[in-house]
Protein backbone atom coordinates (compact mmCIF):
# COMPACT_ATOMS: atom_id res chain seq x y z
CA HIS A 1 90.85 61.33 -22.00
CA CYS A 2 87.52 60.00 -23.33
CA LYS A 3 84.15 61.68 -23.27
CA VAL A 4 81.66 59.62 -21.27
CA PRO A 5 79.03 58.19 -23.68
CA THR A 6 75.32 58.67 -23.12
CA ILE A 7 73.64 55.34 -22.38
CA ALA A 8 69.92 55.29 -23.16
CA TRP A 9 67.94 53.62 -20.34
CA GLY A 10 71.13 53.13 -18.33
CA LYS A 11 74.00 54.74 -16.42
CA ALA A 12 77.77 54.55 -16.84
CA LEU A 13 79.76 53.85 -13.68
CA ILE A 14 83.51 53.85 -13.24
CA GLY A 15 85.18 50.50 -12.76
CA ARG A 16 82.61 48.41 -10.87
CA PRO A 17 78.85 47.96 -10.21
CA ASP A 18 78.95 50.18 -7.11
CA GLY A 19 81.43 52.66 -8.57
CA PRO A 20 80.85 56.40 -8.88
CA PRO A 21 78.96 57.75 -11.89
CA ALA A 22 81.09 58.56 -14.92
CA VAL A 23 80.51 62.15 -16.04
CA ASN A 24 82.04 64.41 -18.67
CA LYS A 25 85.51 62.97 -19.42
CA VAL A 26 87.54 60.18 -17.86
CA PRO A 27 91.29 59.46 -18.08
CA SER A 28 92.69 57.01 -20.58
CA ASP A 29 92.62 53.33 -19.54
CA THR A 30 89.42 53.88 -17.52
CA THR A 31 86.91 51.03 -17.68
CA LEU A 32 83.18 51.65 -17.50
CA TRP A 33 80.46 49.53 -15.93
CA VAL A 34 76.96 50.05 -17.38
CA ARG A 35 73.91 49.57 -15.19
CA CYS A 36 70.59 49.43 -17.05
CA ASP A 37 67.33 50.84 -15.75
CA GLU A 38 64.58 48.58 -14.41
CA ASN A 39 62.98 46.36 -17.08
CA TYR A 40 66.06 46.77 -19.32
CA GLN A 41 69.12 44.63 -19.90
CA LEU A 42 72.49 44.92 -21.61
CA ARG A 43 72.43 43.83 -25.21
CA ARG A 44 75.71 42.04 -24.53
CA THR A 45 78.19 41.93 -21.68
CA LEU A 46 80.75 44.59 -22.50
CA TYR A 47 83.10 46.68 -20.38
CA PRO A 48 84.29 49.57 -22.56
CA ARG A 49 87.77 50.95 -21.91
CA CYS A 50 89.13 54.36 -22.80
CA ASP A 51 92.08 53.86 -25.16
CA ASN A 52 93.78 57.18 -26.01
CA GLY A 53 90.53 59.08 -26.49
CA THR A 54 88.53 56.22 -28.03
CA TRP A 55 86.19 53.74 -26.38
CA THR A 56 86.74 50.07 -27.19
CA GLY A 57 82.98 49.65 -27.49
CA ILE A 58 79.72 51.28 -26.45
CA PRO A 59 77.16 49.01 -24.75
CA SER A 60 73.42 49.60 -24.98
CA CYS A 61 70.41 48.82 -22.81
CA VAL A 62 67.42 47.12 -24.42
CA PRO A 63 64.04 45.93 -23.05
CA LYS A 64 64.29 42.73 -21.03
CA ASP A 65 63.52 39.38 -22.62
CA CYS A 66 61.14 36.90 -21.03
CA ASN A 67 63.39 34.30 -19.44
CA ASP A 68 60.48 31.97 -18.68
CA ARG A 69 58.37 30.09 -21.17
CA PRO A 70 54.79 31.36 -21.57
CA PRO A 71 52.26 29.86 -19.15
CA LEU A 72 50.73 26.51 -20.05
CA VAL A 73 47.03 26.05 -20.73
CA LYS A 74 45.10 22.93 -19.75
CA ASN A 75 43.32 21.32 -22.72
CA GLY A 76 45.13 23.67 -25.09
CA ILE A 77 48.44 24.30 -26.83
CA ALA A 78 50.79 27.31 -26.90
CA ARG A 79 52.66 28.19 -30.10
CA PHE A 80 55.61 30.57 -29.85
CA TYR A 81 58.95 31.00 -31.59
CA GLY A 82 60.89 33.17 -29.17
CA THR A 83 60.92 34.78 -25.74
CA LYS A 84 62.38 38.17 -26.63
CA HIS A 85 60.73 41.52 -26.10
CA ASN A 86 57.60 41.84 -28.27
CA ASP A 87 57.56 38.13 -29.14
CA ARG A 88 54.09 36.61 -28.98
CA VAL A 89 52.53 33.32 -27.96
CA ILE A 90 49.29 32.14 -29.60
CA TYR A 91 46.99 29.74 -27.76
CA SER A 92 44.44 27.36 -29.23
CA CYS A 93 42.17 24.87 -27.51
CA TYR A 94 42.06 21.19 -28.39
CA VAL A 95 39.32 19.88 -30.68
CA GLY A 96 36.08 19.70 -28.73
CA TYR A 97 37.13 22.54 -26.40
CA GLU A 98 36.61 26.28 -26.55
CA ALA A 99 38.04 29.35 -24.81
CA VAL A 100 35.50 30.80 -22.40
CA ARG A 101 37.65 33.65 -21.07
CA GLY A 102 41.15 35.06 -21.32
CA SER A 103 43.12 36.00 -24.41
CA SER A 104 44.40 33.82 -27.23
CA VAL A 105 47.54 36.00 -27.62
CA LEU A 106 50.10 37.05 -24.99
CA THR A 107 53.07 39.34 -25.64
CA CYS A 108 56.47 39.47 -23.98
CA ARG A 109 56.87 43.00 -22.63
CA TYR A 110 59.86 44.08 -20.56
CA GLY A 111 60.61 40.65 -19.16
CA ARG A 112 57.12 39.29 -18.53
CA TRP A 113 54.22 37.86 -20.50
CA VAL A 114 51.41 40.40 -20.64
CA GLY A 115 47.83 39.17 -20.74
CA THR A 116 45.70 36.41 -19.28
CA PRO A 117 45.90 33.01 -20.97
CA PRO A 118 42.60 31.44 -22.04
CA VAL A 119 40.63 28.82 -20.14
CA CYS A 120 39.68 25.91 -22.39
CA THR A 121 36.53 24.01 -21.46
CA LYS A 122 34.56 21.28 -23.20
CA LYS A 123 32.19 22.49 -25.87
CA LYS A 124 28.53 21.96 -25.09
CA CYS A 125 25.75 20.95 -27.43
CA PRO A 126 22.44 22.83 -27.10
CA TRP A 127 19.11 21.47 -25.99
CA ILE A 128 17.27 19.64 -28.80
CA GLU A 129 13.69 20.75 -29.35
CA SER A 130 11.55 17.70 -30.11
CA PRO A 131 7.89 17.30 -31.14
CA ALA A 132 5.35 16.10 -28.62
CA GLY A 133 5.60 12.41 -27.84
CA VAL A 134 9.39 12.18 -28.20
CA GLU A 135 11.51 11.64 -25.11
CA LYS A 136 15.29 11.95 -24.97
CA TRP A 137 17.89 9.99 -23.03
CA LEU A 138 21.53 11.00 -22.57
CA ILE A 139 24.04 8.15 -22.73
CA GLY A 140 27.42 8.90 -21.16
CA PRO A 141 30.84 7.43 -22.07
CA GLU A 142 30.34 4.58 -19.58
CA GLY A 143 26.89 3.73 -20.90
CA ILE A 144 25.03 5.44 -18.06
CA LYS A 145 21.58 6.46 -19.31
CA ASN A 146 19.67 9.44 -17.91
CA GLN A 147 16.49 11.02 -19.17
CA TRP A 148 17.08 14.49 -20.64
CA THR A 149 14.16 16.66 -19.54
CA ARG A 150 15.55 20.07 -18.59
CA PRO A 151 16.09 22.57 -21.45
CA GLN A 152 18.89 24.38 -19.58
CA THR A 153 20.96 21.19 -19.47
CA THR A 154 23.58 20.80 -22.19
CA SER A 155 25.54 17.76 -23.23
CA ASP A 156 29.28 17.18 -23.15
CA ASN A 157 31.35 16.47 -26.21
CA GLU A 158 31.04 12.93 -27.60
CA GLU A 159 27.90 12.19 -25.58
CA LEU A 160 25.00 10.36 -27.19
CA VAL A 161 21.32 11.20 -27.07
CA GLN A 162 18.77 8.46 -27.75
CA PHE A 163 15.24 9.21 -28.95
CA GLN A 164 12.21 7.14 -27.98
CA CYS A 165 8.48 7.41 -28.47
CA ILE A 166 6.13 7.73 -25.51
CA GLY A 167 3.28 5.23 -25.45
CA LYS A 168 2.49 2.09 -27.37
CA GLY A 169 1.63 2.00 -31.03
CA MET A 170 4.04 4.83 -31.90
CA ALA A 171 7.14 4.57 -34.09
CA LEU A 172 10.06 6.91 -34.69
CA ARG A 173 10.49 8.54 -38.06
CA GLY A 174 14.08 9.74 -38.46
CA HIS A 175 17.30 9.00 -36.62
CA THR A 176 17.23 7.14 -33.31
CA HIS A 177 20.52 8.55 -31.95
CA ALA A 178 22.63 11.71 -32.25
CA ILE A 179 26.16 12.42 -31.03
CA CYS A 180 27.60 15.69 -29.74
CA LEU A 181 30.71 16.53 -31.78
CA ASN A 182 32.57 19.81 -31.48
CA GLY A 183 29.53 21.61 -30.11
CA GLN A 184 27.02 20.35 -32.71
CA TRP A 185 24.60 17.42 -32.83
CA ARG A 186 25.23 14.94 -35.64
CA PRO A 187 22.80 14.36 -37.27
CA PRO A 188 21.02 17.60 -36.41
CA GLY A 189 17.41 18.01 -35.40
CA SER A 190 14.96 15.60 -33.84
CA PRO A 191 12.90 12.71 -35.18
CA ARG A 192 9.13 12.56 -34.74
CA CYS A 193 6.73 9.89 -33.60
CA VAL A 194 3.91 8.62 -35.80
CA ARG A 195 1.19 6.08 -35.08
CA GLN A 196 1.73 2.61 -36.48
CA MET A 197 -1.09 1.77 -38.87
CA HIS A 198 -0.28 -1.91 -39.45
CA LYS A 199 1.21 -4.68 -37.44
CA GLN A 200 4.87 -5.06 -38.24
CA ILE A 201 6.14 -8.34 -39.68
CA PRO A 202 8.33 -10.09 -37.09
CA HIS A 203 12.00 -9.39 -37.67
CA ASP A 204 12.88 -13.10 -37.87
CA TRP A 205 10.54 -13.55 -40.80
CA LEU A 206 12.58 -11.19 -42.95
CA PHE A 207 15.39 -13.74 -42.99
CA TYR A 208 13.28 -16.90 -43.40
CA ARG A 209 13.24 -18.69 -46.73
CA ALA A 210 10.33 -21.05 -47.22
CA SER A 211 10.61 -23.87 -49.71
CA ALA A 212 8.13 -24.37 -52.49
CA GLU A 213 6.55 -27.27 -50.59
CA GLN A 214 5.86 -25.01 -47.58
CA CYS A 215 3.87 -22.43 -49.57
CA GLU A 216 0.50 -23.06 -51.18
CA LEU A 217 -0.29 -20.72 -54.07
CA ILE A 218 -3.83 -19.39 -53.76
CA THR A 219 -4.20 -16.80 -56.53
CA GLU A 220 -1.91 -15.34 -59.13
CA HIS A 221 -2.21 -11.85 -60.54
CA PRO A 222 0.16 -9.83 -62.81
CA HIS A 223 0.84 -7.40 -59.95
CA LYS A 224 -0.17 -9.37 -56.86
CA LEU A 225 0.73 -12.77 -55.50
CA THR A 226 -1.11 -14.30 -52.54
CA TRP A 227 0.11 -17.35 -50.69
CA THR A 228 -0.41 -19.18 -47.45
CA ILE A 229 2.41 -20.24 -45.14
CA LEU A 230 1.48 -23.79 -44.22
CA ASP A 231 3.58 -25.07 -41.38
CA ILE A 232 7.01 -23.54 -40.81
CA GLY A 233 6.94 -23.39 -37.05
CA LEU A 234 6.28 -19.64 -36.84
CA SER A 235 2.65 -19.78 -35.78
CA ASN A 236 0.02 -22.23 -34.61
CA THR A 237 -2.41 -20.88 -37.20
CA GLN A 238 -2.18 -20.36 -40.93
CA ASP A 239 -1.80 -16.71 -41.98
CA SER A 240 -2.10 -15.24 -45.45
CA TYR A 241 0.08 -12.35 -46.67
CA ILE A 242 -0.01 -10.29 -49.82
CA ALA A 243 3.17 -9.29 -51.65
């Protein structure tokens, strides 16, 4: 005879899954069937047999593993190294996204993943406070341009904002554009508008090289040179500039 072993979180049955419970002692050559409690599983498939007063092996019941992979997260990644009881999965959102609710860690407990996975949404850049006279335009990925006037509106990741001055005779001082990257504007802050005090030299003139014959020297000074552009096709009148 063999004394029936005590199975933690399980019961020993005689011979088959629907057999009678094994209690006290059983005759030699008796085989046991172990049925684990809910949320538990056999560590390994084993049918112990009584062999002249000794059991050929004693099975045990352990918490269930998670047979399924952890749930997937849109715009995020799940890192885990096992699906056994107490194993964990760690979630992280892609660059440019952030978790707005849920948990970044889930744990396998008794056959199921416990916890709510995170929800990853695009990071938003805050409203940019600008001085008076500066207007802002949002430029989307497809080049669509919309004026940005409402402070409660935020911008999506990788969206551009363009700054412009309101009214004539005003010029920007600072950056003309900013881009929303990972929830922050680059470069930060806002430019300002200042009144133009002098007429700007036409852009084309900055790249024009006049020959010596086209310039008439008027006066010469150690720190100042004055000349007249004679006839280079830029104007119908002769203008003098000081360098």
